Protein backbone atom coordinates (compact mmCIF):
# COMPACT_ATOMS: atom_id res chain seq x y z
CA UNK A 1 77.19 54.54 124.18
CA UNK A 2 77.04 55.74 127.73
CA UNK A 3 77.37 52.18 129.06
CA UNK A 4 80.54 51.60 127.41
CA UNK A 5 83.10 53.15 129.81
CA UNK A 6 84.88 50.69 130.93
CA UNK A 7 83.83 48.15 128.98
CA UNK A 8 85.29 49.25 126.00
CA UNK A 9 87.64 46.29 124.84
CA UNK A 10 84.45 43.54 125.34
CA UNK A 11 82.72 46.30 122.75
CA UNK A 12 84.86 46.21 120.65
CA UNK A 13 85.59 42.71 120.52
CA UNK A 14 81.58 42.44 120.52
CA UNK A 15 81.39 45.20 117.39
CA UNK A 16 83.67 43.65 115.51
CA UNK A 17 81.60 39.89 115.97
CA UNK A 18 78.87 41.56 114.00
CA UNK A 19 81.50 42.56 111.42
CA UNK A 20 81.94 45.68 112.51
CA UNK A 21 85.53 47.17 111.24
CA UNK A 22 85.09 50.60 112.51
CA UNK A 23 84.99 52.43 115.91
CA UNK A 24 85.00 55.99 117.07
CA UNK A 25 85.61 55.99 120.89
CA UNK A 26 85.25 59.60 122.80
CA UNK A 27 84.94 60.85 126.07
CA UNK A 28 81.36 62.15 126.15
CA UNK A 29 79.70 60.64 128.96
CA UNK A 30 82.99 59.61 131.35
CA UNK A 31 80.97 59.81 133.87
CA UNK A 32 82.80 63.27 134.63
CA UNK A 33 86.33 61.38 134.85
CA UNK A 34 89.01 63.53 133.77
CA UNK A 35 90.77 62.61 130.64
CA UNK A 36 94.47 62.22 131.82
CA UNK A 37 92.53 59.68 134.14
CA UNK A 38 92.09 57.27 131.16
CA UNK A 39 95.17 57.83 129.32
CA UNK A 40 97.44 60.47 128.15
CA UNK A 41 94.90 63.32 126.53
CA UNK A 42 97.42 63.70 123.79
CA UNK A 43 96.46 61.43 121.68
CA UNK A 44 98.79 62.03 118.32
CA UNK A 45 101.40 60.51 120.96
CA UNK A 46 100.22 57.14 120.90
CA UNK A 47 96.86 56.19 119.32
CA UNK A 48 99.09 55.17 116.32
CA UNK A 49 99.62 51.71 118.21
CA UNK A 50 95.85 51.42 118.40
CA UNK A 51 94.38 53.03 115.55
CA UNK A 52 94.55 54.96 112.18
CA UNK A 53 92.14 57.90 112.84
CA UNK A 54 92.08 60.03 116.16
CA UNK A 55 91.56 63.05 116.87
CA UNK A 56 93.89 66.14 117.81
CA UNK A 57 92.69 68.87 119.56
CA UNK A 58 88.86 70.15 120.17
CA UNK A 59 86.14 71.38 117.78
CA UNK A 60 86.55 73.57 114.58
CA UNK A 61 83.92 75.87 114.11
CA UNK A 62 83.32 78.12 110.96
CA UNK A 63 85.32 80.85 111.51
CA UNK A 64 88.98 81.27 109.79
CA UNK A 65 90.03 82.01 113.22
CA UNK A 66 89.16 78.67 114.34
CA UNK A 67 90.85 76.83 111.40
CA UNK A 68 93.70 79.14 111.43
CA UNK A 69 94.25 77.83 115.62
CA UNK A 70 93.64 73.98 115.21
CA UNK A 71 96.86 74.37 112.35
CA UNK A 72 98.53 76.46 115.32
CA UNK A 73 98.06 73.99 117.68
CA UNK A 74 98.35 70.75 115.78
CA UNK A 75 101.87 71.86 114.43
CA UNK A 76 103.15 70.32 117.61
CA UNK A 77 102.19 66.82 116.46
CA UNK A 78 103.37 67.01 112.65
CA UNK A 79 106.27 64.62 113.37
CA UNK A 80 103.63 62.28 114.11
CA UNK A 81 101.80 62.32 110.88
CA UNK A 82 102.64 59.70 108.52
CA UNK A 83 100.50 56.73 106.25
CA UNK A 84 98.55 54.98 109.37
CA UNK A 85 98.78 57.61 111.70
């Protein structure tokens, strides 16, 4: 939600108190803050300490070229891909 920016911890705690145990955060509605101001863009390098599912690259589209390019882009993160990561 747009109003979550800067309140992620409080919002996550509130949702957890309601019994919600899965949240998805992205960098949308970020007030034009560059992701690097909020944290390292390469979530595959640090996200396993915070969650169990994260995005490493941009959206895929319905084409072979898009799929292959995403595989190539993710190859650098292969050593970080494991259960729980």
